[in-house]
Amino acid sequence: MSSTNTLYEQYKQQSIQRTHLESAAAVLSWDKEVYMPKEGAANRTQQIATLMSMAHELFTGNEFSDTLAELEQQKEQLPQDARRNVELSSHSHRRMRALDTDFVRRSSIVSSNAYHAWLKAREANDFSLFKKELGEVVQLKREEAERLGYEDHPYDALLEEFEPGYTAAMLDTLFADVKAKLVDLVQEIRAQQQVKDDFLYQTFDTQAQWDASLDLLRKIGYNFDAGRQDWSPHPFTINFSPKDVRVTTRVDENDLNNLLWSSLHEGGHALYEQGLPEKHYGLPIGRHVSLGIHESQSRLWENNVGRSLPFWRAHYSTLQSYFLQLKNVSVEAFYKAINTIKTGLIRTEADELHYHFHVLIRYELEKALLEGNLEVADLSTAWNDAYKKYLNVDVPDDKQGVLQDIHWAYGSIGYFPTYSLGSFYAAQFYQQAEKEINNLEAEIEKGNTQPLLTWLQQNIYSQGRTYDANELCQKLTGETLNFDYFYQYAQKKYRAIYFE
């Protein structure tokens, strides 16, 4: 039997090799969505599938399995960080061993094909062009849930990938709070005189918007020496290491909101990735805690900071220098406009309150797809009915309806609830930051977000996966996730805007 230190070094090297393969596949995926010519799709699908299959084989093969099994027996002899790495790898290993290499390859091919079908369907505004491929994705995810196993609901098996420790039953309870508390607040706001926001829907030059978004990313601390921003149909953040974290955004020349919030949102994700512990690169602790915690950072920077009055008191004059259309609009009027509460069709453009109904709809639909209570052929109709039920809007076409998100094309069933979890974590974390940072809002109003960024780096980013999501929340705030923090934040903010 090898010494514990020797085994751990073998484990580290094998884990880092796997990360290199996954990173190479991620570069190809980034290129696919940003720069790749259309005719490269078929070969690119195979290239990514090959790399992901190799990574899977490395992680589930005999050599790594034997190393991990021996380390499991000796883990009590390891330092705390190393022991945590082994425990996390063992958990992932058990899940991945349930998915053989053929399944992983099939998954990669199906998701790549679905992505391109989604693009075509979205361009043609026709869900029927996506039905076949999405049906294959859903069937594969049903198979995956059965392979992984679950106690109560197949959704639990898939949710574990994105939000370890959470279950459908826990989400049902959380969304019951959303229905019980947010519905009344939203209805009260709708009854008030609406905020004027028409000045945000003029013609805003694409290049000026691009330049403004780069400026905002710099102001919140995004390091362009360790990242870059590009265009893509659906904004996303991708990382290959803490020293290479890239964001994408999109623009609408007739809507200033679109690019500003996409860039700040993705910038929040990127700040988290750039702050992860580099000494644990390639190892579990070097990764993010969960997608809910990841989303807490994007929502915190987008909403708690980026849509706050102190932030724009510091930066509004700079924004006005890019857009003369805002010259005669006060910062207070701008602040109210960017926090307008009104129903809409598009999740990524939704306000902070209606947003969670968009997430709820997707959660209920994908859960029904997994259960077999809803088939893909009926998904567009079910989507439209849900939007009428929860948001009282009529969906005019597929592009603004069931085709608006890319997630299902990627096979990311179980992902959507993390968006709401993120907003709720963000409110709880931000309130704690206000307690611990002297005059936080006064600093933000001076244009200084560094105290907040430092606090997040020390308390969340640098921790990597040392703790799971609720452990981290408990350690940081003294309690696990509590929806009331978000509800209190929403009450305070929107009553000041609409009722005073």
Protein backbone atom coordinates (compact mmCIF):
# COMPACT_ATOMS: atom_id res chain seq x y z
CA MET A 1 0.00 0.00 0.00
CA SER A 2 1.35 3.42 -1.00
CA SER A 3 1.91 6.14 1.57
CA THR A 4 -0.93 8.60 2.08
CA ASN A 5 1.12 11.53 0.76
CA THR A 6 2.11 9.63 -2.39
CA LEU A 7 -1.49 8.60 -3.01
CA TYR A 8 -2.68 12.17 -2.56
CA GLU A 9 -0.12 13.47 -5.05
CA GLN A 10 -1.28 10.86 -7.56
CA TYR A 11 -4.88 11.90 -6.91
CA LYS A 12 -4.01 15.58 -7.44
CA GLN A 13 -2.24 14.97 -10.76
CA GLN A 14 -5.07 12.80 -12.07
CA SER A 15 -7.67 15.37 -10.99
CA ILE A 16 -5.75 18.20 -12.67
CA GLN A 17 -5.42 16.17 -15.88
CA ARG A 18 -9.17 15.73 -15.93
CA THR A 19 -9.64 19.47 -15.40
CA HIS A 20 -7.32 20.16 -18.35
CA LEU A 21 -9.47 17.99 -20.62
CA GLU A 22 -12.67 19.64 -19.41
CA SER A 23 -11.12 23.08 -19.87
CA ALA A 24 -10.09 22.24 -23.43
CA ALA A 25 -13.65 21.14 -24.15
CA ALA A 26 -14.91 24.36 -22.53
CA VAL A 27 -12.71 26.48 -24.82
CA LEU A 28 -14.25 24.71 -27.81
CA SER A 29 -17.72 25.29 -26.36
CA TRP A 30 -16.98 28.99 -25.83
CA ASP A 31 -15.74 29.29 -29.41
CA LYS A 32 -18.83 27.44 -30.66
CA GLU A 33 -21.08 30.12 -29.20
CA VAL A 34 -18.91 33.14 -29.98
CA TYR A 35 -16.80 32.77 -33.13
CA MET A 36 -17.24 29.35 -34.79
CA PRO A 37 -18.54 29.38 -38.38
CA LYS A 38 -21.91 27.64 -38.83
CA GLU A 39 -20.53 24.80 -40.92
CA GLY A 40 -18.15 23.77 -38.15
CA ALA A 41 -20.99 22.52 -35.93
CA ALA A 42 -20.92 18.80 -36.81
CA ASN A 43 -17.18 18.34 -36.30
CA ARG A 44 -17.19 20.55 -33.21
CA THR A 45 -19.82 18.33 -31.63
CA GLN A 46 -17.58 15.31 -32.10
CA GLN A 47 -14.49 17.14 -30.84
CA ILE A 48 -16.20 18.18 -27.60
CA ALA A 49 -17.69 14.71 -27.16
CA THR A 50 -14.24 13.12 -27.52
CA LEU A 51 -12.67 15.37 -24.89
CA MET A 52 -15.54 14.92 -22.44
CA SER A 53 -15.43 11.15 -22.92
CA MET A 54 -11.70 11.18 -22.19
CA ALA A 55 -12.28 13.24 -19.03
CA HIS A 56 -15.00 10.85 -17.93
CA GLU A 57 -12.83 7.80 -18.58
CA LEU A 58 -9.98 9.34 -16.60
CA PHE A 59 -12.27 10.07 -13.64
CA THR A 60 -14.07 6.72 -13.64
CA GLY A 61 -11.23 4.48 -14.87
CA ASN A 62 -9.49 1.87 -12.76
CA GLU A 63 -6.35 3.91 -12.03
CA PHE A 64 -8.17 6.88 -10.51
CA SER A 65 -10.79 4.64 -8.89
CA ASP A 66 -8.09 2.61 -7.15
CA THR A 67 -6.24 5.73 -5.99
CA LEU A 68 -9.45 7.23 -4.62
CA ALA A 69 -10.48 4.00 -2.90
CA GLU A 70 -7.14 3.77 -1.09
CA LEU A 71 -7.29 7.42 -0.10
CA GLU A 72 -10.78 6.96 1.29
CA GLN A 73 -9.39 4.36 3.68
CA GLN A 74 -6.60 6.69 4.77
CA LYS A 75 -8.34 10.06 4.62
CA GLU A 76 -8.23 10.63 8.39
CA GLN A 77 -4.45 10.98 8.02
CA LEU A 78 -4.87 13.87 5.57
CA PRO A 79 -4.98 17.61 6.38
CA GLN A 80 -8.48 19.09 6.45
CA ASP A 81 -8.39 20.61 2.92
CA ALA A 82 -7.07 17.40 1.39
CA ARG A 83 -9.67 15.33 3.23
CA ARG A 84 -12.43 17.60 1.93
CA ASN A 85 -11.11 17.20 -1.63
CA VAL A 86 -11.18 13.42 -1.31
CA GLU A 87 -14.68 13.41 0.16
CA LEU A 88 -16.04 15.61 -2.63
CA SER A 89 -14.29 13.59 -5.32
CA SER A 90 -15.64 10.35 -3.85
CA HIS A 91 -19.19 11.71 -3.94
CA SER A 92 -18.83 12.82 -7.56
CA HIS A 93 -17.09 9.58 -8.44
CA ARG A 94 -19.99 7.47 -7.18
CA ARG A 95 -22.38 9.53 -9.30
CA MET A 96 -20.21 9.44 -12.39
CA ARG A 97 -19.61 5.70 -12.14
CA ALA A 98 -23.35 5.36 -12.56
CA LEU A 99 -22.93 6.98 -15.99
CA ASP A 100 -20.74 4.93 -18.30
CA THR A 101 -18.59 6.42 -21.05
CA ASP A 102 -21.13 5.59 -23.74
CA PHE A 103 -23.80 7.50 -21.83
CA VAL A 104 -21.54 10.53 -21.42
CA ARG A 105 -20.70 10.51 -25.12
CA ARG A 106 -24.37 10.20 -26.06
CA SER A 107 -25.19 13.07 -23.72
CA SER A 108 -22.57 15.30 -25.29
CA ILE A 109 -23.79 14.55 -28.80
CA VAL A 110 -27.47 14.96 -27.92
CA SER A 111 -26.89 18.29 -26.17
CA SER A 112 -24.73 19.62 -29.01
CA ASN A 113 -27.36 18.64 -31.57
CA ALA A 114 -30.08 20.15 -29.40
CA TYR A 115 -28.14 23.41 -29.11
CA HIS A 116 -27.95 23.83 -32.87
CA ALA A 117 -31.59 22.80 -33.30
CA TRP A 118 -32.53 25.40 -30.69
CA LEU A 119 -30.63 28.09 -32.61
CA LYS A 120 -32.44 27.20 -35.84
CA ALA A 121 -35.82 26.99 -34.14
CA ARG A 122 -35.26 30.31 -32.37
CA GLU A 123 -34.22 31.99 -35.60
CA ALA A 124 -37.29 30.58 -37.37
CA ASN A 125 -39.53 31.25 -34.37
CA ASP A 126 -40.81 27.68 -34.62
CA PHE A 127 -40.74 25.26 -31.66
CA SER A 128 -41.51 22.29 -33.93
CA LEU A 129 -37.92 22.49 -35.24
CA PHE A 130 -36.68 21.77 -31.72
CA LYS A 131 -39.18 19.13 -30.56
CA LYS A 132 -37.29 16.05 -31.72
CA GLU A 133 -33.95 17.08 -30.22
CA LEU A 134 -35.51 18.31 -26.97
CA GLY A 135 -37.40 15.04 -26.70
CA GLU A 136 -34.07 13.21 -26.90
CA VAL A 137 -32.66 15.45 -24.16
CA VAL A 138 -35.61 14.79 -21.85
CA GLN A 139 -35.45 11.04 -22.45
CA LEU A 140 -31.74 11.09 -21.67
CA LYS A 141 -32.29 13.06 -18.45
CA ARG A 142 -34.97 10.58 -17.35
CA GLU A 143 -32.44 7.81 -17.94
CA GLU A 144 -29.78 9.75 -16.05
CA ALA A 145 -32.04 10.20 -13.02
CA GLU A 146 -32.70 6.46 -12.91
CA ARG A 147 -29.00 5.64 -13.23
CA LEU A 148 -28.06 8.06 -10.45
CA GLY A 149 -30.88 7.02 -8.18
CA TYR A 150 -33.10 9.04 -5.85
CA GLU A 151 -35.35 8.56 -2.84
CA ASP A 152 -38.41 10.70 -3.50
CA HIS A 153 -38.37 12.32 -6.94
CA PRO A 154 -36.30 11.95 -10.15
CA TYR A 155 -35.74 15.70 -10.05
CA ASP A 156 -33.63 15.25 -6.91
CA ALA A 157 -31.01 13.22 -8.81
CA LEU A 158 -30.49 16.00 -11.37
CA LEU A 159 -30.73 18.88 -8.88
CA GLU A 160 -27.78 17.38 -6.98
CA GLU A 161 -25.49 18.33 -9.86
CA PHE A 162 -26.34 22.02 -9.52
CA GLU A 163 -27.38 22.46 -5.90
CA PRO A 164 -26.01 19.63 -3.75
CA GLY A 165 -28.19 18.85 -0.75
CA TYR A 166 -31.39 20.37 -2.14
CA THR A 167 -34.49 18.37 -3.10
CA ALA A 168 -37.70 19.02 -4.98
CA ALA A 169 -39.54 18.96 -1.66
CA MET A 170 -37.33 21.79 -0.35
CA LEU A 171 -37.90 23.79 -3.52
CA ASP A 172 -41.65 23.26 -3.29
CA THR A 173 -41.55 24.81 0.18
CA LEU A 174 -39.44 27.72 -1.04
CA PHE A 175 -41.70 28.47 -4.00
CA ALA A 176 -44.71 28.25 -1.71
CA ASP A 177 -43.19 31.28 0.08
CA VAL A 178 -42.80 33.01 -3.27
CA LYS A 179 -46.46 32.44 -4.07
CA ALA A 180 -47.68 33.37 -0.59
CA LYS A 181 -45.64 36.55 -0.09
CA LEU A 182 -44.54 37.99 -3.43
CA VAL A 183 -47.94 37.75 -5.11
CA ASP A 184 -49.52 40.26 -2.75
CA LEU A 185 -46.59 42.68 -2.92
CA VAL A 186 -46.55 42.58 -6.72
CA GLN A 187 -50.29 43.16 -6.90
CA GLU A 188 -49.99 46.15 -4.56
CA ILE A 189 -47.29 47.66 -6.75
CA ARG A 190 -49.27 47.08 -9.94
CA ALA A 191 -52.09 49.11 -8.43
CA GLN A 192 -49.80 52.14 -7.99
CA GLN A 193 -48.99 54.75 -10.60
CA GLN A 194 -46.34 53.19 -12.82
CA VAL A 195 -42.78 54.50 -12.97
CA LYS A 196 -41.76 56.36 -16.13
CA ASP A 197 -39.12 54.34 -17.99
CA ASP A 198 -39.72 55.12 -21.69
CA PHE A 199 -36.37 56.95 -21.93
CA LEU A 200 -34.61 53.57 -21.60
CA TYR A 201 -36.16 52.45 -24.90
CA GLN A 202 -34.69 54.93 -27.34
CA THR A 203 -31.98 54.17 -29.88
CA PHE A 204 -28.68 53.55 -28.09
CA ASP A 205 -25.62 53.01 -30.26
CA THR A 206 -24.22 49.47 -30.07
CA GLN A 207 -20.60 50.55 -29.72
CA ALA A 208 -21.47 53.08 -27.01
CA GLN A 209 -23.35 50.36 -25.10
CA TRP A 210 -20.37 48.02 -25.47
CA ASP A 211 -17.96 50.66 -24.19
CA ALA A 212 -20.24 51.52 -21.27
CA SER A 213 -20.51 47.86 -20.27
CA LEU A 214 -16.72 47.45 -20.26
CA ASP A 215 -16.48 50.53 -18.06
CA LEU A 216 -19.02 49.13 -15.59
CA LEU A 217 -17.21 45.78 -15.43
CA ARG A 218 -13.98 47.58 -14.54
CA LYS A 219 -15.76 49.63 -11.86
CA ILE A 220 -16.96 46.52 -10.01
CA GLY A 221 -13.47 45.01 -10.10
CA TYR A 222 -13.51 42.59 -13.04
CA ASN A 223 -9.92 41.88 -14.07
CA PHE A 224 -9.56 42.13 -17.85
CA ASP A 225 -6.02 40.76 -17.62
CA ALA A 226 -7.68 37.52 -16.51
CA GLY A 227 -10.75 37.68 -18.76
CA ARG A 228 -12.57 39.24 -21.70
CA GLN A 229 -16.08 40.06 -22.88
CA ASP A 230 -17.61 38.93 -26.20
CA TRP A 231 -21.03 38.77 -27.88
CA SER A 232 -23.27 35.69 -27.79
CA PRO A 233 -27.00 34.98 -28.36
CA HIS A 234 -27.43 34.07 -24.68
CA PRO A 235 -25.07 35.77 -22.16
CA PHE A 236 -22.90 33.40 -20.14
CA THR A 237 -19.72 33.17 -18.08
CA ILE A 238 -17.11 30.47 -18.64
CA ASN A 239 -13.87 29.82 -16.81
CA PHE A 240 -10.76 27.78 -17.55
CA SER A 241 -8.93 28.84 -14.38
CA PRO A 242 -9.12 31.83 -12.00
CA LYS A 243 -6.74 33.54 -14.42
CA ASP A 244 -8.98 33.04 -17.48
CA VAL A 245 -12.63 33.83 -16.82
CA ARG A 246 -14.66 35.10 -19.80
CA VAL A 247 -18.08 36.70 -20.07
CA THR A 248 -20.41 37.29 -22.98
CA THR A 249 -23.27 39.72 -23.40
CA ARG A 250 -25.85 40.79 -25.97
CA VAL A 251 -27.21 44.12 -27.13
CA ASP A 252 -30.54 45.60 -28.17
CA GLU A 253 -30.12 49.06 -29.68
CA ASN A 254 -33.64 49.96 -28.56
CA ASP A 255 -33.34 48.80 -24.96
CA LEU A 256 -30.54 50.01 -22.71
CA ASN A 257 -31.48 47.50 -20.01
CA ASN A 258 -30.50 44.46 -22.01
CA LEU A 259 -26.75 44.92 -22.19
CA LEU A 260 -26.24 46.75 -18.88
CA TRP A 261 -27.77 44.04 -16.72
CA SER A 262 -26.38 41.18 -18.79
CA SER A 263 -22.86 42.51 -18.34
CA LEU A 264 -23.21 43.26 -14.63
CA HIS A 265 -24.87 39.88 -14.04
CA GLU A 266 -22.15 37.95 -15.84
CA GLY A 267 -19.54 40.19 -14.23
CA GLY A 268 -20.76 39.02 -10.82
CA HIS A 269 -20.30 35.40 -11.88
CA ALA A 270 -16.83 36.23 -13.16
CA LEU A 271 -15.72 37.98 -9.98
CA TYR A 272 -16.54 34.79 -8.09
CA GLU A 273 -14.53 32.64 -10.51
CA GLN A 274 -11.58 35.04 -10.51
CA GLY A 275 -11.55 34.91 -6.70
CA LEU A 276 -11.53 31.11 -6.30
CA PRO A 277 -8.44 29.66 -4.54
CA GLU A 278 -5.85 29.13 -7.26
CA LYS A 279 -3.81 26.78 -5.05
CA HIS A 280 -6.66 24.29 -5.40
CA TYR A 281 -6.93 24.60 -9.18
CA GLY A 282 -8.15 21.32 -10.66
CA LEU A 283 -9.41 20.06 -7.29
CA PRO A 284 -12.92 20.18 -5.82
CA ILE A 285 -12.14 22.90 -3.27
CA GLY A 286 -10.96 25.07 -6.15
CA ARG A 287 -14.46 25.11 -7.61
CA HIS A 288 -17.62 27.04 -6.74
CA VAL A 289 -19.93 25.80 -3.97
CA SER A 290 -23.11 25.43 -6.00
CA LEU A 291 -24.98 27.23 -8.74
CA GLY A 292 -27.22 28.86 -6.14
CA ILE A 293 -24.18 30.42 -4.49
CA HIS A 294 -22.78 31.29 -7.92
CA GLU A 295 -26.03 32.96 -8.82
CA SER A 296 -26.01 34.83 -5.52
CA GLN A 297 -22.93 36.67 -6.76
CA SER A 298 -24.35 37.60 -10.14
CA ARG A 299 -27.62 38.76 -8.58
CA LEU A 300 -25.84 40.62 -5.79
CA TRP A 301 -23.74 42.65 -8.23
CA GLU A 302 -26.58 43.09 -10.71
CA ASN A 303 -29.36 43.96 -8.26
CA ASN A 304 -28.23 44.71 -4.72
CA VAL A 305 -25.39 46.85 -6.06
CA GLY A 306 -26.03 47.55 -9.75
CA ARG A 307 -29.66 48.59 -9.37
CA SER A 308 -29.06 50.61 -6.21
CA LEU A 309 -29.26 54.38 -5.93
CA PRO A 310 -25.83 54.75 -4.27
CA PHE A 311 -24.15 52.92 -7.19
CA TRP A 312 -25.68 55.25 -9.77
CA ARG A 313 -25.03 58.36 -7.77
CA ALA A 314 -21.39 57.42 -8.25
CA HIS A 315 -21.54 56.36 -11.92
CA TYR A 316 -24.51 58.01 -13.58
CA SER A 317 -22.57 60.97 -14.96
CA THR A 318 -20.25 58.50 -16.71
CA LEU A 319 -23.24 56.71 -18.24
CA GLN A 320 -24.65 60.05 -19.39
CA SER A 321 -21.36 60.77 -21.16
CA TYR A 322 -21.96 57.68 -23.32
CA PHE A 323 -25.63 58.45 -24.00
CA LEU A 324 -26.73 62.04 -24.53
CA GLN A 325 -30.33 60.76 -24.47
CA LEU A 326 -29.99 60.64 -20.68
CA LYS A 327 -28.67 64.19 -20.35
CA ASN A 328 -31.92 65.61 -18.94
CA VAL A 329 -32.89 62.54 -16.91
CA SER A 330 -32.09 62.78 -13.20
CA VAL A 331 -30.28 59.99 -11.39
CA GLU A 332 -33.36 59.49 -9.19
CA ALA A 333 -35.58 59.08 -12.25
CA PHE A 334 -33.06 56.68 -13.77
CA TYR A 335 -32.91 54.65 -10.55
CA LYS A 336 -36.68 54.27 -10.46
CA ALA A 337 -36.80 53.36 -14.15
CA ILE A 338 -34.27 50.55 -13.84
CA ASN A 339 -36.33 49.14 -10.97
CA THR A 340 -39.69 49.20 -12.71
CA ILE A 341 -42.04 46.39 -11.68
CA LYS A 342 -44.16 45.17 -14.57
CA THR A 343 -45.10 41.89 -16.14
CA GLY A 344 -43.23 40.66 -19.19
CA LEU A 345 -42.44 37.63 -21.29
CA ILE A 346 -38.66 37.33 -21.02
CA ARG A 347 -36.98 35.91 -17.91
CA THR A 348 -33.64 37.65 -18.44
CA GLU A 349 -35.40 41.01 -18.76
CA ALA A 350 -37.72 40.51 -15.78
CA ASP A 351 -37.66 42.73 -12.72
CA GLU A 352 -36.49 41.43 -9.35
CA LEU A 353 -39.95 40.36 -8.22
CA HIS A 354 -41.57 38.91 -11.34
CA TYR A 355 -38.31 37.08 -12.07
CA HIS A 356 -39.16 34.38 -9.57
CA PHE A 357 -42.44 33.58 -11.28
CA HIS A 358 -40.48 32.99 -14.49
CA VAL A 359 -38.27 30.56 -12.58
CA LEU A 360 -41.25 28.90 -10.90
CA ILE A 361 -42.86 28.23 -14.30
CA ARG A 362 -39.73 26.55 -15.63
CA TYR A 363 -39.31 24.51 -12.45
CA GLU A 364 -42.84 23.18 -12.58
CA LEU A 365 -42.62 22.38 -16.31
CA GLU A 366 -39.30 20.55 -16.21
CA LYS A 367 -40.36 18.62 -13.12
CA ALA A 368 -43.50 17.52 -15.01
CA LEU A 369 -41.36 16.52 -18.01
CA LEU A 370 -39.24 14.28 -15.80
CA GLU A 371 -42.29 12.75 -14.15
CA GLY A 372 -43.81 11.96 -17.54
CA ASN A 373 -46.86 14.07 -16.71
CA LEU A 374 -45.93 16.42 -19.56
CA GLU A 375 -44.55 15.47 -22.97
CA VAL A 376 -42.35 17.67 -25.13
CA ALA A 377 -45.04 17.79 -27.83
CA ASP A 378 -47.30 19.65 -25.38
CA LEU A 379 -44.61 21.87 -23.86
CA SER A 380 -45.31 25.04 -25.85
CA THR A 381 -48.99 24.98 -24.90
CA ALA A 382 -48.18 24.24 -21.27
CA TRP A 383 -45.68 27.11 -21.24
CA ASN A 384 -48.23 29.56 -22.63
CA ASP A 385 -50.87 28.41 -20.12
CA ALA A 386 -48.43 28.86 -17.21
CA TYR A 387 -47.57 32.40 -18.29
CA LYS A 388 -51.24 33.25 -18.38
CA LYS A 389 -51.75 31.70 -14.93
CA TYR A 390 -48.80 33.25 -13.10
CA LEU A 391 -48.11 36.46 -15.00
CA ASN A 392 -51.39 37.10 -16.78
CA VAL A 393 -49.69 37.60 -20.14
CA ASP A 394 -50.40 36.08 -23.53
CA VAL A 395 -47.35 34.57 -25.25
CA PRO A 396 -47.40 35.74 -28.88
CA ASP A 397 -44.84 33.34 -30.34
CA ASP A 398 -42.31 30.61 -29.54
CA LYS A 399 -39.27 32.90 -29.61
CA GLN A 400 -40.69 34.95 -26.75
CA GLY A 401 -42.00 31.81 -25.12
CA VAL A 402 -40.68 28.29 -24.90
CA LEU A 403 -37.60 29.02 -27.06
CA GLN A 404 -36.25 31.96 -25.06
CA ASP A 405 -33.81 29.97 -22.87
CA ILE A 406 -30.88 27.80 -23.92
CA HIS A 407 -30.74 25.65 -20.77
CA TRP A 408 -32.89 22.71 -21.86
CA ALA A 409 -30.92 22.43 -25.09
CA TYR A 410 -27.85 21.89 -22.93
CA GLY A 411 -29.67 19.29 -20.85
CA SER A 412 -29.57 21.56 -17.79
CA ILE A 413 -32.76 20.28 -16.18
CA GLY A 414 -32.58 21.15 -12.50
CA TYR A 415 -30.69 24.39 -13.15
CA PHE A 416 -33.46 27.01 -13.16
CA PRO A 417 -34.31 26.98 -9.42
CA THR A 418 -30.74 28.04 -8.64
CA TYR A 419 -31.57 31.46 -10.08
CA SER A 420 -34.14 32.09 -7.36
CA LEU A 421 -31.94 30.52 -4.70
CA GLY A 422 -29.22 32.94 -5.80
CA SER A 423 -31.39 36.02 -5.32
CA PHE A 424 -32.42 34.85 -1.88
CA TYR A 425 -28.84 34.08 -0.83
CA ALA A 426 -27.74 37.45 -2.25
CA ALA A 427 -30.16 39.39 -0.04
CA GLN A 428 -29.01 37.48 3.04
CA PHE A 429 -25.31 37.92 2.23
CA TYR A 430 -25.67 41.61 1.38
CA GLN A 431 -27.44 42.34 4.66
CA GLN A 432 -24.58 40.63 6.49
CA ALA A 433 -22.04 42.66 4.53
CA GLU A 434 -23.84 45.85 5.58
CA LYS A 435 -23.47 44.78 9.22
CA GLU A 436 -19.76 44.05 8.92
CA ILE A 437 -18.52 46.80 6.56
CA ASN A 438 -18.55 50.31 7.96
CA ASN A 439 -20.67 52.69 5.87
CA LEU A 440 -20.92 50.24 2.97
CA GLU A 441 -23.51 52.20 1.01
CA ALA A 442 -21.61 55.45 1.57
CA GLU A 443 -18.51 53.79 0.07
CA ILE A 444 -20.51 52.56 -2.92
CA GLU A 445 -21.90 56.05 -3.38
CA LYS A 446 -18.32 57.32 -3.60
CA GLY A 447 -17.68 54.77 -6.37
CA ASN A 448 -15.75 52.45 -4.08
CA THR A 449 -17.00 48.85 -4.30
CA GLN A 450 -13.64 47.44 -3.19
CA PRO A 451 -14.66 46.95 0.49
CA LEU A 452 -17.60 44.80 -0.64
CA LEU A 453 -15.49 42.87 -3.15
CA THR A 454 -12.82 42.23 -0.49
CA TRP A 455 -15.47 41.01 1.96
CA LEU A 456 -16.89 38.63 -0.65
CA GLN A 457 -13.42 37.43 -1.63
CA GLN A 458 -12.52 36.66 1.97
CA ASN A 459 -15.82 35.11 3.04
CA ILE A 460 -17.09 33.37 -0.11
CA TYR A 461 -14.75 33.32 -3.11
CA SER A 462 -11.56 32.17 -1.39
CA GLN A 463 -13.44 29.40 0.44
CA GLY A 464 -14.13 27.49 -2.79
CA ARG A 465 -16.03 24.32 -1.85
CA THR A 466 -14.72 24.10 1.69
CA TYR A 467 -18.36 24.19 2.81
CA ASP A 468 -21.62 23.29 1.12
CA ALA A 469 -24.15 26.05 0.41
CA ASN A 470 -26.13 25.95 3.62
CA GLU A 471 -22.99 25.45 5.74
CA LEU A 472 -21.47 28.53 4.11
CA CYS A 473 -24.65 30.52 4.67
CA GLN A 474 -24.80 29.41 8.30
CA LYS A 475 -21.14 30.26 8.87
CA LEU A 476 -21.48 33.67 7.23
CA THR A 477 -24.89 34.85 8.46
CA GLY A 478 -25.65 32.67 11.47
CA GLU A 479 -28.50 30.79 9.80
CA THR A 480 -29.32 28.74 6.72
CA LEU A 481 -31.14 30.24 3.73
CA ASN A 482 -34.13 32.29 4.85
CA PHE A 483 -36.52 33.73 2.24
CA ASP A 484 -37.54 36.52 4.63
CA TYR A 485 -34.27 38.38 3.95
CA PHE A 486 -35.20 38.75 0.30
CA TYR A 487 -38.78 39.64 1.18
CA GLN A 488 -37.65 42.35 3.61
CA TYR A 489 -35.21 43.72 1.02
CA ALA A 490 -37.95 43.80 -1.61
CA GLN A 491 -40.45 45.47 0.74
CA LYS A 492 -38.00 48.20 1.76
CA LYS A 493 -36.76 48.93 -1.75
CA TYR A 494 -40.00 48.89 -3.70
CA ARG A 495 -42.21 50.54 -1.14
CA ALA A 496 -39.76 53.48 -1.19
CA ILE A 497 -40.01 53.63 -4.99
CA TYR A 498 -43.74 53.13 -5.42
CA PHE A 499 -45.40 54.26 -2.18
CA GLU A 500 -43.42 57.29 -0.99
